Amino acid sequence: MATVVDGDATTTAATAAAGACVVGAAGADGDALSPLVPRPSFDYKGVPVPWWFHTQTADYVHELELEDDDIVLATIAKAGTHWTHSIIRKVIEAGDTGRVSEHVPDFKLTEMYPMTKAQTPAIMTKDVTFPEHLATHGAPKVICTHLLPHCLPKSLKVRGKLVYVLRNPKDALVSLYYFNGEAKDGWGGCAARYMDPNTRNPFGTFTRAIKAFTPLIDELGDRAIVIYYEDLKRDFEGTVAKARSEGQIECAMHACV
């Protein structure tokens, strides 16, 4: 795993990707983005976000006109985001033929991608911009985010589909704890921050996300589906088949089995 060194501080790229404010970019896209300069987290539309977050990309996505088959994949952190993204990509790749490559789809949250080359922290996206990412994958678009509903594409109200992924928050917390590495104040400090309604953890609390997404899911009706991490672990084929039957992923089921 790649290691990024900032003076006396050393962290892995995985820790950086989780939003630990050890190394990273400026909050404003206009600032110089050096992957070796420590910066604090900041807020985007009232949501705490990590150092790698690109506000210009988030603004662009907020105004993006979705097509009927486009998918917004929204999750809490450590709920199986990478896994679910890979499932969706493989199902899309299969189309009606059921044929897929062995290639594992590259995964990045949408806001990791900059809008221009000049804004690229190389350790995060390998010089790929968000417009290039969209062009590479084509239709349907998959927007992958931990953001809250008021930050999602406004056009989702009338077009597109929402796949919302949840996991038992106790398990998500344990996964987050080991992913980031042990905090200076240990497990107790990590758990307290996770539950604090005023937390500075990237993307806020589990409870805030649930309260925000529940009315949106109700409003979207059959254009939204909730997938539980535990269901994927217990009955992978049945859970993906259910998502397909409800119209969220309209491609061959056996693509990702």
Protein backbone atom coordinates (compact mmCIF):
# COMPACT_ATOMS: atom_id res chain seq x y z
CA MET A 1 0.00 0.00 0.00
CA ALA A 2 1.32 3.45 -0.88
CA THR A 3 2.61 5.61 1.95
CA VAL A 4 2.52 9.40 2.00
CA VAL A 5 5.01 11.20 4.18
CA ASP A 6 4.47 14.74 5.43
CA GLY A 7 7.42 15.88 7.48
CA ASP A 8 7.37 13.73 10.61
CA ALA A 9 3.84 12.44 9.92
CA THR A 10 3.38 9.25 7.95
CA THR A 11 0.07 7.84 6.77
CA THR A 12 -1.14 5.33 4.23
CA ALA A 13 -3.09 6.33 1.14
CA ALA A 14 -5.98 4.28 2.53
CA THR A 15 -6.06 6.42 5.67
CA ALA A 16 -5.98 9.53 3.51
CA ALA A 17 -8.84 8.21 1.42
CA ALA A 18 -10.94 7.74 4.54
CA GLY A 19 -10.70 11.44 5.23
CA ALA A 20 -8.12 11.55 7.97
CA CYS A 21 -6.77 15.10 7.98
CA VAL A 22 -3.10 14.23 7.89
CA VAL A 23 -2.15 15.18 4.37
CA GLY A 24 -4.05 16.79 1.58
CA ALA A 25 -5.55 19.57 -0.43
CA ALA A 26 -6.99 22.93 0.33
CA GLY A 27 -10.68 23.30 0.97
CA ALA A 28 -11.16 25.79 -1.85
CA ASP A 29 -10.54 24.54 -5.37
CA GLY A 30 -8.75 27.76 -6.22
CA ASP A 31 -5.93 27.00 -3.78
CA ALA A 32 -2.82 25.10 -4.72
CA LEU A 33 -3.44 21.40 -4.18
CA SER A 34 -0.35 19.70 -2.85
CA PRO A 35 -0.80 16.15 -1.59
CA LEU A 36 2.00 16.79 0.92
CA VAL A 37 0.53 19.82 2.69
CA PRO A 38 -1.57 19.14 5.80
CA ARG A 39 -4.95 20.89 5.70
CA PRO A 40 -8.00 20.76 7.97
CA SER A 41 -11.39 19.45 6.97
CA PHE A 42 -14.04 21.99 6.02
CA ASP A 43 -17.79 22.21 5.43
CA TYR A 44 -19.67 21.83 2.15
CA LYS A 45 -23.31 22.91 2.33
CA GLY A 46 -23.29 22.28 6.05
CA VAL A 47 -21.66 18.83 5.80
CA PRO A 48 -18.13 18.24 7.17
CA VAL A 49 -15.97 16.91 4.35
CA PRO A 50 -12.36 15.65 4.17
CA TRP A 51 -9.29 17.29 2.67
CA TRP A 52 -9.58 15.58 -0.72
CA PHE A 53 -13.12 16.85 -1.36
CA HIS A 54 -13.47 18.98 -4.52
CA THR A 55 -16.18 21.60 -4.14
CA GLN A 56 -16.26 22.42 -7.87
CA THR A 57 -17.01 18.78 -8.68
CA ALA A 58 -19.70 18.64 -6.01
CA ASP A 59 -21.26 21.84 -7.39
CA TYR A 60 -21.17 20.40 -10.91
CA VAL A 61 -22.84 17.17 -9.79
CA HIS A 62 -25.50 19.12 -7.90
CA GLU A 63 -26.55 20.75 -11.20
CA LEU A 64 -26.04 17.62 -13.32
CA GLU A 65 -28.99 16.58 -15.48
CA LEU A 66 -29.51 12.89 -14.87
CA GLU A 67 -30.97 10.50 -17.42
CA ASP A 68 -33.64 7.96 -16.47
CA ASP A 69 -31.14 5.09 -16.10
CA ASP A 70 -28.44 7.03 -14.23
CA ILE A 71 -27.73 5.83 -10.72
CA VAL A 72 -26.87 7.77 -7.58
CA LEU A 73 -25.16 5.41 -5.16
CA ALA A 74 -25.29 6.97 -1.69
CA THR A 75 -23.89 5.30 1.41
CA ILE A 76 -22.72 5.89 4.93
CA ALA A 77 -18.96 5.44 5.32
CA LYS A 78 -17.76 1.83 5.60
CA ALA A 79 -21.13 0.38 4.57
CA GLY A 80 -19.82 -1.57 1.58
CA THR A 81 -19.54 1.38 -0.79
CA HIS A 82 -16.69 -0.08 -2.83
CA TRP A 83 -18.36 -3.50 -3.01
CA THR A 84 -21.73 -2.13 -4.10
CA HIS A 85 -20.11 0.14 -6.67
CA SER A 86 -18.29 -2.86 -8.16
CA ILE A 87 -21.54 -4.85 -8.30
CA ILE A 88 -23.33 -2.06 -10.14
CA ARG A 89 -20.46 -1.56 -12.58
CA LYS A 90 -20.26 -5.27 -13.36
CA VAL A 91 -24.00 -5.56 -13.90
CA ILE A 92 -23.89 -2.58 -16.26
CA GLU A 93 -20.91 -4.10 -18.08
CA ALA A 94 -22.78 -7.37 -18.57
CA GLY A 95 -25.71 -5.77 -20.34
CA ASP A 96 -27.93 -8.43 -21.88
CA THR A 97 -25.08 -10.83 -22.69
CA GLY A 98 -23.92 -11.68 -19.19
CA ARG A 99 -20.29 -11.36 -20.30
CA VAL A 100 -17.91 -9.46 -18.06
CA SER A 101 -14.16 -9.03 -17.82
CA GLU A 102 -12.14 -9.99 -14.76
CA HIS A 103 -11.13 -6.37 -14.33
CA VAL A 104 -12.15 -4.91 -10.98
CA PRO A 105 -13.76 -1.51 -11.55
CA ASP A 106 -11.72 1.42 -10.27
CA PHE A 107 -13.44 2.97 -7.28
CA LYS A 108 -13.43 6.58 -6.16
CA LEU A 109 -16.07 8.68 -4.53
CA THR A 110 -17.27 11.26 -7.06
CA GLU A 111 -15.93 14.21 -5.09
CA MET A 112 -12.40 12.79 -5.15
CA TYR A 113 -12.22 13.72 -8.83
CA PRO A 114 -11.19 17.27 -9.68
CA MET A 115 -12.78 19.18 -12.55
CA THR A 116 -9.44 20.16 -14.10
CA LYS A 117 -5.95 18.66 -14.31
CA ALA A 118 -4.47 21.49 -12.27
CA GLN A 119 -6.51 20.43 -9.24
CA THR A 120 -5.50 16.77 -9.23
CA PRO A 121 -3.89 15.30 -6.10
CA ALA A 122 -2.09 12.45 -7.87
CA ILE A 123 -2.36 10.01 -4.96
CA MET A 124 -6.15 10.06 -5.18
CA THR A 125 -7.20 9.94 -8.84
CA LYS A 126 -4.02 9.43 -10.89
CA ASP A 127 -4.62 12.63 -12.92
CA VAL A 128 -8.14 11.61 -13.99
CA THR A 129 -10.67 14.46 -13.88
CA PHE A 130 -14.39 14.01 -13.29
CA PRO A 131 -15.33 14.87 -16.90
CA GLU A 132 -12.79 12.28 -18.08
CA HIS A 133 -14.21 9.75 -15.64
CA LEU A 134 -17.73 10.28 -16.99
CA ALA A 135 -16.51 10.01 -20.59
CA THR A 136 -14.61 6.78 -19.88
CA HIS A 137 -17.56 4.97 -18.32
CA GLY A 138 -20.29 6.34 -20.54
CA ALA A 139 -23.97 5.67 -19.87
CA PRO A 140 -25.54 5.07 -17.49
CA LYS A 141 -23.69 7.41 -15.15
CA VAL A 142 -22.99 6.23 -11.60
CA ILE A 143 -22.59 8.99 -9.01
CA CYS A 144 -21.03 7.59 -5.84
CA THR A 145 -21.11 9.70 -2.68
CA HIS A 146 -21.38 9.92 1.10
CA LEU A 147 -23.10 13.31 0.88
CA LEU A 148 -26.59 14.10 2.17
CA PRO A 149 -29.69 14.50 -0.05
CA HIS A 150 -29.53 18.29 -0.32
CA CYS A 151 -26.14 17.92 -2.03
CA LEU A 152 -27.21 15.30 -4.59
CA PRO A 153 -28.17 16.13 -8.20
CA LYS A 154 -31.29 18.27 -8.12
CA SER A 155 -32.60 16.39 -11.17
CA LEU A 156 -32.85 13.20 -9.08
CA LYS A 157 -36.24 14.52 -7.99
CA VAL A 158 -37.59 13.76 -11.48
CA ARG A 159 -35.10 11.37 -13.15
CA GLY A 160 -32.54 8.75 -12.28
CA LYS A 161 -32.41 6.12 -9.56
CA LEU A 162 -31.17 6.08 -5.99
CA VAL A 163 -29.39 3.10 -4.46
CA TYR A 164 -28.89 3.72 -0.76
CA VAL A 165 -26.62 1.33 1.14
CA LEU A 166 -26.83 0.84 4.90
CA ARG A 167 -24.93 -1.23 7.42
CA ASN A 168 -25.32 -1.84 11.13
CA PRO A 169 -23.63 1.31 12.52
CA LYS A 170 -21.79 -0.73 15.17
CA ASP A 171 -20.08 -2.72 12.43
CA ALA A 172 -19.50 0.38 10.29
CA LEU A 173 -17.79 2.03 13.26
CA VAL A 174 -15.52 -0.95 13.86
CA SER A 175 -14.59 -0.99 10.16
CA LEU A 176 -13.89 2.75 10.22
CA TYR A 177 -11.77 2.40 13.34
CA TYR A 178 -9.48 -0.22 11.82
CA PHE A 179 -9.45 1.46 8.40
CA ASN A 180 -8.20 4.77 9.79
CA GLY A 181 -5.80 3.26 12.28
CA GLU A 182 -5.98 3.59 16.05
CA ALA A 183 -6.82 7.12 17.20
CA LYS A 184 -4.67 8.84 19.82
CA ASP A 185 -7.59 8.66 22.25
CA GLY A 186 -8.32 5.03 21.35
CA TRP A 187 -11.60 3.25 20.77
CA GLY A 188 -13.50 5.39 23.27
CA GLY A 189 -12.61 8.63 21.51
CA CYS A 190 -13.40 7.17 18.10
CA ALA A 191 -16.82 5.92 19.25
CA ALA A 192 -17.64 9.24 20.96
CA ARG A 193 -16.87 11.20 17.79
CA TYR A 194 -18.94 8.80 15.70
CA MET A 195 -22.02 9.43 17.84
CA ASP A 196 -21.49 13.14 18.50
CA PRO A 197 -24.17 15.15 16.61
CA ASN A 198 -21.58 17.91 16.16
CA THR A 199 -18.84 15.56 14.97
CA ARG A 200 -16.15 16.76 12.60
CA ASN A 201 -15.90 13.27 11.15
CA PRO A 202 -16.17 13.46 7.34
CA PHE A 203 -19.82 13.46 6.19
CA GLY A 204 -21.26 13.69 9.69
CA THR A 205 -23.19 11.14 11.70
CA PHE A 206 -25.08 7.98 10.83
CA THR A 207 -28.24 9.29 12.47
CA ARG A 208 -28.19 12.53 10.50
CA ALA A 209 -27.86 10.58 7.26
CA ILE A 210 -30.77 8.27 8.11
CA LYS A 211 -33.03 11.18 9.04
CA ALA A 212 -32.12 13.02 5.83
CA PHE A 213 -32.50 10.09 3.42
CA THR A 214 -35.74 8.60 4.76
CA PRO A 215 -38.07 11.26 3.28
CA LEU A 216 -36.17 11.27 -0.04
CA ILE A 217 -36.50 7.49 -0.35
CA ASP A 218 -40.22 7.79 0.36
CA GLU A 219 -40.57 10.58 -2.20
CA LEU A 220 -38.77 8.72 -4.98
CA GLY A 221 -40.88 5.61 -4.50
CA ASP A 222 -39.92 2.83 -6.93
CA ARG A 223 -36.95 4.88 -8.17
CA ALA A 224 -35.18 4.24 -4.86
CA ILE A 225 -34.03 1.08 -3.15
CA VAL A 226 -32.26 0.47 0.16
CA ILE A 227 -29.64 -2.29 0.15
CA TYR A 228 -28.32 -3.62 3.43
CA TYR A 229 -24.72 -4.77 3.68
CA GLU A 230 -25.87 -7.68 5.86
CA ASP A 231 -28.29 -8.82 3.14
CA LEU A 232 -25.50 -8.87 0.57
CA LYS A 233 -23.39 -10.99 2.90
CA ARG A 234 -26.27 -13.38 3.71
CA ASP A 235 -27.88 -13.70 0.27
CA PHE A 236 -25.80 -12.03 -2.42
CA GLU A 237 -27.65 -13.35 -5.46
CA GLY A 238 -31.09 -12.77 -3.99
CA THR A 239 -30.28 -9.20 -2.93
CA VAL A 240 -28.89 -8.20 -6.32
CA ALA A 241 -31.80 -9.94 -8.07
CA LYS A 242 -34.21 -7.92 -5.93
CA ALA A 243 -32.46 -4.70 -6.93
CA ARG A 244 -32.76 -5.69 -10.57
CA SER A 245 -36.39 -6.74 -10.30
CA GLU A 246 -37.29 -3.41 -8.74
CA GLY A 247 -35.75 -1.63 -11.70
CA GLN A 248 -32.68 -0.18 -10.05
CA ILE A 249 -30.14 -2.18 -12.04
CA GLU A 250 -31.68 -3.26 -15.32
CA CYS A 251 -29.03 -5.68 -16.59
CA ALA A 252 -28.11 -9.36 -16.43
CA MET A 253 -28.12 -10.72 -12.90
CA HIS A 254 -25.33 -13.28 -13.30
CA ALA A 255 -22.81 -10.57 -14.16
CA CYS A 256 -21.61 -10.20 -10.60
CA VAL A 257 -22.15 -13.68 -9.17
